[in-house]
Protein backbone atom coordinates (compact mmCIF):
# COMPACT_ATOMS: atom_id res chain seq x y z
CA UNK A 1 24.46 26.17 107.21
CA UNK A 2 20.91 25.74 105.96
CA UNK A 3 18.88 25.01 103.08
CA UNK A 4 16.13 27.37 101.86
CA UNK A 5 16.35 27.14 98.23
CA UNK A 6 16.27 23.79 96.73
CA UNK A 7 18.89 22.53 94.57
CA UNK A 8 18.10 19.29 92.39
CA UNK A 9 20.48 16.72 90.74
CA UNK A 10 19.57 18.13 87.10
CA UNK A 11 20.27 22.03 88.84
CA UNK A 12 23.74 20.92 90.00
CA UNK A 13 24.73 19.22 86.52
CA UNK A 14 23.64 22.31 84.54
CA UNK A 15 26.35 24.02 86.90
CA UNK A 16 29.02 21.41 86.91
CA UNK A 17 28.99 21.81 83.13
CA UNK A 18 31.48 24.97 83.78
CA UNK A 19 33.64 23.15 85.64
CA UNK A 20 36.57 20.44 85.08
CA UNK A 21 35.71 18.59 88.47
CA UNK A 22 34.21 15.26 87.31
CA UNK A 23 30.62 13.97 87.65
CA UNK A 24 28.06 14.12 90.47
CA UNK A 25 27.99 11.15 93.08
CA UNK A 26 25.74 12.82 95.61
CA UNK A 27 23.65 16.14 96.89
CA UNK A 28 23.30 16.62 100.53
CA UNK A 29 21.52 19.52 102.32
CA UNK A 30 23.35 20.94 105.28
CA UNK A 31 20.86 21.82 108.06
CA UNK A 32 21.49 24.67 110.68
CA UNK A 33 23.04 27.79 110.16
CA UNK A 34 21.25 31.43 109.32
CA UNK A 35 21.79 33.01 106.30
CA UNK A 36 22.66 31.07 103.46
CA UNK A 37 21.82 27.76 101.42
CA UNK A 38 24.24 25.20 101.53
CA UNK A 39 24.73 21.60 100.44
CA UNK A 40 27.54 18.87 100.22
CA UNK A 41 28.23 18.01 96.79
CA UNK A 42 30.45 14.86 96.20
CA UNK A 43 32.11 14.76 92.57
CA UNK A 44 34.30 11.66 91.00
CA UNK A 45 36.90 12.14 88.62
CA UNK A 46 39.74 9.26 87.73
CA UNK A 47 37.64 6.63 90.01
CA UNK A 48 38.60 9.45 92.94
CA UNK A 49 35.53 11.00 95.07
CA UNK A 50 36.20 14.51 96.45
CA UNK A 51 33.45 16.33 98.66
CA UNK A 52 32.55 20.20 97.98
CA UNK A 53 30.41 22.73 99.39
CA UNK A 54 27.96 24.55 97.44
CA UNK A 55 26.60 27.69 98.70
CA UNK A 56 23.80 30.02 97.40
CA UNK A 57 23.68 33.25 99.20
CA UNK A 58 20.17 34.08 100.51
CA UNK A 59 21.15 37.79 101.43
CA UNK A 60 24.16 39.06 99.79
CA UNK A 61 23.23 40.44 96.08
CA UNK A 62 25.24 40.07 93.32
CA UNK A 63 26.86 42.76 93.45
CA UNK A 64 27.97 42.77 96.80
CA UNK A 65 29.50 39.26 96.70
CA UNK A 66 32.72 39.89 94.73
CA UNK A 67 34.34 41.53 97.43
CA UNK A 68 34.12 38.41 99.40
CA UNK A 69 35.12 36.11 96.67
CA UNK A 70 38.27 37.88 95.91
CA UNK A 71 39.07 37.77 99.62
CA UNK A 72 38.45 34.32 99.93
CA UNK A 73 40.81 33.72 97.46
CA UNK A 74 43.51 36.36 98.16
CA UNK A 75 43.85 35.02 101.97
CA UNK A 76 43.48 31.21 100.54
CA UNK A 77 46.46 31.66 98.24
CA UNK A 78 48.44 33.13 101.69
CA UNK A 79 47.70 29.81 103.23
CA UNK A 80 44.84 30.93 105.62
CA UNK A 81 42.58 27.76 105.81
CA UNK A 82 39.15 29.09 104.53
CA UNK A 83 36.58 27.89 102.07
CA UNK A 84 36.70 30.00 98.81
CA UNK A 85 35.30 29.72 95.28
CA UNK A 86 36.72 27.42 93.00
CA UNK A 87 37.09 28.75 89.58
CA UNK A 88 35.71 27.24 86.38
CA UNK A 89 37.46 26.84 83.02
CA UNK A 90 37.09 30.10 82.32
CA UNK A 91 38.60 31.81 85.72
CA UNK A 92 35.13 32.14 86.83
CA UNK A 93 34.07 31.69 90.60
CA UNK A 94 30.77 33.41 91.18
CA UNK A 95 27.81 31.55 89.84
CA UNK A 96 24.10 31.82 89.78
CA UNK A 97 22.07 28.80 90.24
CA UNK A 98 17.92 28.86 91.34
CA UNK A 99 18.07 32.78 90.92
CA UNK A 100 20.56 32.82 93.31
CA UNK A 101 24.82 33.86 93.13
CA UNK A 102 26.26 30.69 93.95
CA UNK A 103 29.84 29.38 94.81
CA UNK A 104 31.16 25.94 94.92
CA UNK A 105 33.97 25.62 97.60
CA UNK A 106 36.04 22.94 98.98
CA UNK A 107 34.91 21.10 101.95
CA UNK A 108 37.09 21.11 105.14
CA UNK A 109 37.19 18.38 107.59
CA UNK A 110 36.50 19.03 111.05
CA UNK A 111 33.50 19.83 113.55
CA UNK A 112 32.24 22.81 115.81
CA UNK A 113 33.07 22.71 119.39
CA UNK A 114 30.64 23.77 121.86
CA UNK A 115 31.65 27.04 123.38
CA UNK A 116 31.54 25.08 126.93
CA UNK A 117 33.97 22.54 125.90
CA UNK A 118 36.66 25.07 124.63
CA UNK A 119 40.08 25.18 126.34
CA UNK A 120 43.13 27.60 126.25
CA UNK A 121 44.65 25.64 124.04
CA UNK A 122 41.63 26.25 121.22
CA UNK A 123 41.61 29.83 121.91
CA UNK A 124 45.17 30.10 121.47
CA UNK A 125 44.69 28.16 118.13
CA UNK A 126 42.24 30.89 116.79
CA UNK A 127 44.25 33.87 118.17
CA UNK A 128 47.02 32.74 116.00
CA UNK A 129 44.68 32.29 112.92
CA UNK A 130 43.21 35.28 113.20
CA UNK A 131 46.92 37.31 113.40
CA UNK A 132 47.57 35.54 110.70
CA UNK A 133 44.28 36.40 108.87
CA UNK A 134 44.84 40.07 109.36
CA UNK A 135 48.37 39.80 108.27
CA UNK A 136 47.86 38.12 105.22
CA UNK A 137 44.88 40.61 103.90
CA UNK A 138 47.52 43.94 105.09
CA UNK A 139 47.73 44.72 101.71
CA UNK A 140 44.07 43.29 99.93
CA UNK A 141 43.29 45.78 97.34
CA UNK A 142 39.83 46.18 98.07
CA UNK A 143 37.99 47.81 101.13
CA UNK A 144 34.52 47.45 102.18
CA UNK A 145 32.33 49.27 104.72
CA UNK A 146 31.00 47.16 107.83
CA UNK A 147 27.25 46.65 107.30
CA UNK A 148 26.60 47.40 110.85
CA UNK A 149 29.30 49.38 111.94
CA UNK A 150 30.00 52.53 113.40
CA UNK A 151 27.42 54.34 111.05
CA UNK A 152 24.54 51.56 112.11
CA UNK A 153 24.69 51.47 115.50
CA UNK A 154 24.99 55.50 116.08
CA UNK A 155 21.59 55.32 113.95
CA UNK A 156 20.00 51.95 115.27
CA UNK A 157 20.76 53.28 119.18
CA UNK A 158 19.23 56.31 118.63
CA UNK A 159 15.95 54.73 117.28
CA UNK A 160 15.79 52.16 119.54
CA UNK A 161 16.59 53.90 122.94
CA UNK A 162 12.55 54.64 123.46
CA UNK A 163 11.81 51.20 123.37
CA UNK A 164 14.62 49.98 126.08
CA UNK A 165 14.47 50.70 130.36
CA UNK A 166 16.15 54.13 130.80
CA UNK A 167 19.34 52.06 132.28
CA UNK A 168 19.63 50.21 129.08
CA UNK A 169 19.18 53.18 127.07
CA UNK A 170 21.91 54.81 129.07
CA UNK A 171 24.18 52.26 128.72
CA UNK A 172 24.03 51.62 124.96
CA UNK A 173 24.45 55.65 124.00
CA UNK A 174 27.49 55.55 127.02
CA UNK A 175 29.08 52.83 124.72
CA UNK A 176 28.68 54.55 121.12
CA UNK A 177 29.79 57.84 122.65
CA UNK A 178 33.18 55.82 124.00
CA UNK A 179 33.64 54.28 120.88
CA UNK A 180 32.95 58.12 118.81
CA UNK A 181 36.08 59.06 121.20
CA UNK A 182 38.29 56.32 120.57
CA UNK A 183 37.59 57.34 116.68
CA UNK A 184 39.38 60.37 117.05
CA UNK A 185 42.33 58.68 117.35
CA UNK A 186 41.88 56.40 114.26
CA UNK A 187 45.31 56.99 113.08
CA UNK A 188 47.12 54.95 116.00
CA UNK A 189 45.45 51.67 115.68
CA UNK A 190 46.41 49.35 113.10
CA UNK A 191 43.72 48.56 110.60
CA UNK A 192 42.67 46.28 107.39
CA UNK A 193 40.42 43.35 106.17
CA UNK A 194 38.69 41.45 109.66
CA UNK A 195 36.54 38.63 109.87
CA UNK A 196 33.97 40.49 111.74
CA UNK A 197 31.77 37.47 112.95
CA UNK A 198 34.54 34.99 113.99
CA UNK A 199 32.29 33.33 117.08
CA UNK A 200 33.27 29.69 117.72
CA UNK A 201 30.56 27.84 115.83
CA UNK A 202 32.54 29.78 112.46
CA UNK A 203 35.90 27.43 113.03
CA UNK A 204 36.10 23.91 112.38
CA UNK A 205 38.41 21.88 114.73
CA UNK A 206 39.89 18.32 113.20
CA UNK A 207 40.56 16.87 116.38
CA UNK A 208 41.90 19.39 118.55
CA UNK A 209 43.51 21.54 115.72
CA UNK A 210 42.02 24.01 113.90
CA UNK A 211 41.36 23.05 110.32
CA UNK A 212 39.14 25.71 108.83
CA UNK A 213 37.66 29.18 109.11
CA UNK A 214 34.21 29.52 107.75
CA UNK A 215 31.57 32.30 106.82
CA UNK A 216 33.82 35.65 105.83
CA UNK A 217 30.42 37.30 104.86
CA UNK A 218 30.90 40.06 107.56
CA UNK A 219 34.18 40.71 106.51
CA UNK A 220 35.55 44.62 106.09
CA UNK A 221 37.76 47.09 106.64
CA UNK A 222 38.01 48.02 110.06
CA UNK A 223 40.14 47.94 113.70
CA UNK A 224 41.99 44.66 113.88
CA UNK A 225 41.69 45.21 117.73
CA UNK A 226 37.71 45.13 116.99
CA UNK A 227 38.05 41.85 115.24
CA UNK A 228 40.03 40.27 118.22
CA UNK A 229 37.92 41.83 120.82
CA UNK A 230 34.73 40.10 119.14
CA UNK A 231 36.21 36.73 119.55
CA UNK A 232 37.70 36.91 122.83
CA UNK A 233 33.75 38.09 123.79
CA UNK A 234 32.80 34.68 122.75
CA UNK A 235 35.30 32.48 122.65
CA UNK A 236 36.38 33.34 126.57
CA UNK A 237 33.04 34.22 127.90
CA UNK A 238 31.22 32.01 130.72
CA UNK A 239 27.62 31.53 130.98
CA UNK A 240 27.14 34.46 133.33
CA UNK A 241 28.84 36.91 130.91
CA UNK A 242 31.84 36.96 133.01
CA UNK A 243 35.58 36.30 131.10
CA UNK A 244 37.47 33.20 131.87
CA UNK A 245 41.00 34.78 132.18
CA UNK A 246 43.16 31.71 131.28
CA UNK A 247 41.08 31.52 128.01
CA UNK A 248 41.71 35.04 126.97
CA UNK A 249 45.47 35.03 128.42
CA UNK A 250 45.87 32.25 125.81
CA UNK A 251 43.89 33.80 123.08
CA UNK A 252 45.59 37.29 123.67
CA UNK A 253 49.29 36.08 123.87
CA UNK A 254 48.74 33.38 120.97
CA UNK A 255 47.85 36.65 118.72
CA UNK A 256 50.65 38.61 120.29
CA UNK A 257 53.41 36.67 119.42
CA UNK A 258 52.03 36.49 115.22
CA UNK A 259 51.10 40.57 115.58
CA UNK A 260 52.81 42.25 117.99
CA UNK A 261 50.37 45.01 119.55
CA UNK A 262 51.50 48.64 119.07
CA UNK A 263 51.16 50.83 122.06
CA UNK A 264 48.08 52.85 121.53
CA UNK A 265 46.39 49.40 121.31
CA UNK A 266 46.90 49.09 125.03
CA UNK A 267 45.08 51.76 125.89
CA UNK A 268 41.82 51.16 123.15
CA UNK A 269 41.59 47.36 124.03
CA UNK A 270 39.19 47.68 127.55
CA UNK A 271 37.05 50.42 125.29
CA UNK A 272 36.86 48.09 122.36
CA UNK A 273 36.10 44.93 124.04
CA UNK A 274 32.80 47.03 125.34
CA UNK A 275 32.15 48.06 121.57
CA UNK A 276 32.35 44.83 120.18
CA UNK A 277 29.93 43.32 123.24
CA UNK A 278 27.51 46.38 122.22
CA UNK A 279 27.48 46.29 118.63
CA UNK A 280 26.02 42.40 118.93
CA UNK A 281 23.99 43.47 121.98
CA UNK A 282 22.39 45.92 119.53
CA UNK A 283 21.73 43.52 116.99
CA UNK A 284 19.92 41.18 118.75
CA UNK A 285 18.13 43.69 120.45
CA UNK A 286 16.50 44.90 117.37
CA UNK A 287 14.80 41.41 116.14
CA UNK A 288 13.95 40.38 120.35
CA UNK A 289 11.98 43.78 120.40
CA UNK A 290 10.47 43.54 116.77
CA UNK A 291 12.19 46.47 115.39
CA UNK A 292 13.93 44.17 112.66
CA UNK A 293 12.59 42.01 110.02
CA UNK A 294 13.39 38.72 111.20
CA UNK A 295 13.22 37.31 107.39
CA UNK A 296 12.10 34.14 108.21
CA UNK A 297 10.03 33.14 110.81
CA UNK A 298 12.20 29.78 111.47
CA UNK A 299 15.26 32.03 112.25
CA UNK A 300 16.03 31.69 115.98
CA UNK A 301 16.26 35.22 117.74
CA UNK A 302 19.55 35.34 119.98
CA UNK A 303 19.29 36.23 123.30
CA UNK A 304 20.40 39.89 124.05
CA UNK A 305 20.78 39.23 127.19
CA UNK A 306 24.11 37.34 126.76
CA UNK A 307 25.75 39.66 125.12
CA UNK A 308 24.55 42.45 127.59
CA UNK A 309 26.02 40.65 130.55
CA UNK A 310 29.33 40.44 128.66
CA UNK A 311 29.50 44.36 128.13
CA UNK A 312 28.68 45.05 131.93
CA UNK A 313 31.52 42.17 132.66
CA UNK A 314 33.74 44.40 130.57
CA UNK A 315 33.01 47.38 132.54
CA UNK A 316 33.61 45.91 136.01
CA UNK A 317 36.84 44.15 134.53
CA UNK A 318 38.41 45.60 132.16
CA UNK A 319 40.83 43.49 130.12
CA UNK A 320 44.07 44.14 129.85
CA UNK A 321 46.58 43.23 126.62
CA UNK A 322 49.76 40.91 127.16
CA UNK A 323 53.45 42.78 126.67
């Protein structure tokens, strides 16, 4: 979360005229994060104060946002703890403020836990939550192709190879080819809505209890197991890129208890853990090599080598799903 577009109390009052949520008490910018502008908004109604989050979207367009608005409301109605756009008195959630698409959302309690402090219990909870997210969205009526999915990584891996050491270029292209081979059996892999970016800094814990899933703006229609691989690579990795087997076993077992794996997923899992590492390695390589506009000079460029080491670890020591 961050502040790129200024919102004044007067701006907020204009927005609040459409809602029956009370009067403004406080407006506070939220620092940190990468993509959107976020504010804490405190409102008072019937002498009771309630906190909300106002989000202004800096990159998603007016036309792209409805998928995510509909998805968040769909999941929230099915008990998934995540921010969703609150509807105004006319039933409209998606608003416009200061020339940006905007949502007013519930504020969840909790904090982000540093990766070094994650325990098997934390990983088990996110495994359960991710399986519930997948099951709740199984019959969601909208579909979306991932912005950085298979077609993106095919074209970008070809474009970037001449800028990489030969060994890295071969590794990248080999992993793209491995996923292409797996896609020939796509009908054997359960798919539906995925979160797409459920790194540890997109989950809140209140004490040691998972309280909210954040930032669904990379959600798309894809293999559920790919989503689980993204989580495993981030939540269960050690500083050298190797995988903490105790954390990963807790994650996978909890997910499996909520949504049992089908047979072909056991064969696909080692490949998809590599695909997930490759995808985020590639997305970090592009700005690091100056081949992608970072959009904002203040945005931190993440280290690509972190994901490369995870990829190499996944190749050396393939993971196995529990039965």
